[in-house]
Amino acid sequence: MPIAFKQGVSPADVLSLTVTMLIVLQAAKDWFLVINKPLVMTSLLRQDGVHALGRAVDIRSTDLTEAEVVAFESYMNDKFKAWRGQDKKMHKTCIYHDVGQGVHFHLQVQK
């Protein structure tokens, strides 16, 4: 099952992601293939933060059960360890959250 894109998200923007982000995205795609559900990218490049640098993507979570949400977040954070950012805080690779647009997965990398 290929990666799908929310309407308005350009597949061409994948070319602007860092190599590390592409590795993380491939791991996410592989996980979604195992459970036979679509991986839908809802945000790639934006004008703010790590999205603007090609170091973050957002993925739809509404197609997953509660157990799958927990399993995916755990899988990604076990596979890709947290890192200390310039702000001296620890940052996880996979965050399940809602910042006002509905719950989703935010995948991010340091570089």
Protein backbone atom coordinates (compact mmCIF):
# COMPACT_ATOMS: atom_id res chain seq x y z
CA MET A 1 0.00 0.00 0.00
CA PRO A 2 1.62 3.30 -1.04
CA ILE A 3 1.79 6.44 1.05
CA ALA A 4 -1.29 8.61 0.58
CA PHE A 5 -1.44 12.39 0.86
CA LYS A 6 -4.18 14.55 2.33
CA GLN A 7 -5.72 16.86 -0.25
CA GLY A 8 -3.54 19.94 -0.53
CA VAL A 9 -0.34 18.14 0.52
CA SER A 10 2.07 17.83 -2.39
CA PRO A 11 3.83 14.47 -2.85
CA ALA A 12 6.71 16.42 -4.41
CA ASP A 13 7.45 17.93 -0.99
CA VAL A 14 8.86 14.55 0.07
CA LEU A 15 11.92 15.50 -1.98
CA SER A 16 12.62 18.30 0.52
CA LEU A 17 12.82 15.97 3.54
CA THR A 18 16.18 15.21 5.10
CA VAL A 19 17.70 11.77 4.58
CA THR A 20 17.14 10.97 8.26
CA MET A 21 13.47 11.95 7.96
CA LEU A 22 13.12 9.69 4.91
CA ILE A 23 14.54 6.77 6.94
CA VAL A 24 12.01 7.41 9.71
CA LEU A 25 9.21 7.73 7.14
CA GLN A 26 10.18 4.39 5.58
CA ALA A 27 9.98 2.70 8.99
CA ALA A 28 6.52 4.23 9.50
CA LYS A 29 5.40 3.04 6.07
CA ASP A 30 6.66 -0.49 6.81
CA TRP A 31 4.70 -0.54 10.10
CA PHE A 32 1.49 0.59 8.38
CA LEU A 33 2.00 -2.11 5.71
CA VAL A 34 2.12 -4.79 8.41
CA ILE A 35 -1.29 -3.75 9.76
CA ASN A 36 -2.64 -3.25 6.22
CA LYS A 37 -3.78 0.33 6.74
CA PRO A 38 -2.93 3.45 4.74
CA LEU A 39 -0.26 5.86 5.88
CA VAL A 40 -1.72 9.29 5.11
CA MET A 41 0.58 12.27 5.30
CA THR A 42 -1.34 15.33 6.44
CA SER A 43 1.49 17.88 6.59
CA LEU A 44 4.98 18.07 5.15
CA LEU A 45 6.55 21.45 4.51
CA ARG A 46 5.24 24.39 6.47
CA GLN A 47 6.63 27.79 7.31
CA ASP A 48 7.32 26.96 10.95
CA GLY A 49 9.81 24.98 13.01
CA VAL A 50 11.15 21.59 12.01
CA HIS A 51 8.56 21.25 9.22
CA ALA A 52 10.16 24.17 7.39
CA LEU A 53 13.54 22.43 7.60
CA GLY A 54 12.31 19.12 6.14
CA ARG A 55 12.75 17.42 9.50
CA ALA A 56 9.11 16.67 10.36
CA VAL A 57 5.93 15.21 8.91
CA ASP A 58 2.43 14.71 10.28
CA ILE A 59 0.53 11.46 9.78
CA ARG A 60 -3.20 10.77 10.13
CA SER A 61 -4.12 8.62 13.13
CA THR A 62 -7.91 8.46 12.80
CA ASP A 63 -7.77 5.17 10.85
CA LEU A 64 -6.11 3.39 13.78
CA THR A 65 -7.55 1.72 16.84
CA GLU A 66 -6.47 2.95 20.27
CA ALA A 67 -4.19 -0.10 20.62
CA GLU A 68 -2.61 0.60 17.21
CA VAL A 69 -1.96 4.23 18.17
CA VAL A 70 -0.11 3.10 21.30
CA ALA A 71 1.76 0.38 19.40
CA PHE A 72 2.88 2.71 16.60
CA GLU A 73 4.08 5.46 18.93
CA SER A 74 5.96 2.91 21.02
CA TYR A 75 7.47 1.18 17.97
CA MET A 76 8.77 4.42 16.46
CA ASN A 77 10.19 5.75 19.73
CA ASP A 78 11.88 2.42 20.49
CA LYS A 79 13.38 2.26 17.00
CA PHE A 80 14.54 5.90 16.94
CA LYS A 81 15.81 7.13 20.30
CA ALA A 82 15.12 10.59 21.73
CA TRP A 83 17.72 13.34 21.42
CA ARG A 84 18.61 16.52 23.27
CA GLY A 85 17.73 19.61 21.24
CA GLN A 86 19.28 23.07 21.23
CA ASP A 87 16.67 23.94 23.85
CA LYS A 88 18.32 21.32 26.14
CA LYS A 89 15.08 19.31 26.26
CA MET A 90 14.72 15.68 25.19
CA HIS A 91 12.71 15.22 21.98
CA LYS A 92 10.95 12.03 20.88
CA THR A 93 10.78 10.97 17.25
CA CYS A 94 7.05 10.19 17.40
CA ILE A 95 4.54 12.34 19.24
CA TYR A 96 0.79 11.64 19.29
CA HIS A 97 -0.91 14.95 19.97
CA ASP A 98 -3.47 17.58 19.07
CA VAL A 99 -2.33 21.14 18.49
CA GLY A 100 -5.75 22.40 17.49
CA GLN A 101 -6.26 20.54 14.19
CA GLY A 102 -7.16 17.12 15.60
CA VAL A 103 -5.06 14.26 16.94
CA HIS A 104 -2.28 12.99 14.69
CA PHE A 105 1.26 11.65 14.76
CA HIS A 106 4.08 14.15 14.48
CA LEU A 107 7.32 12.50 13.35
CA GLN A 108 10.48 14.55 13.75
CA VAL A 109 14.23 14.12 13.55
CA GLN A 110 17.19 16.06 14.85
CA LYS A 111 18.97 16.42 11.50
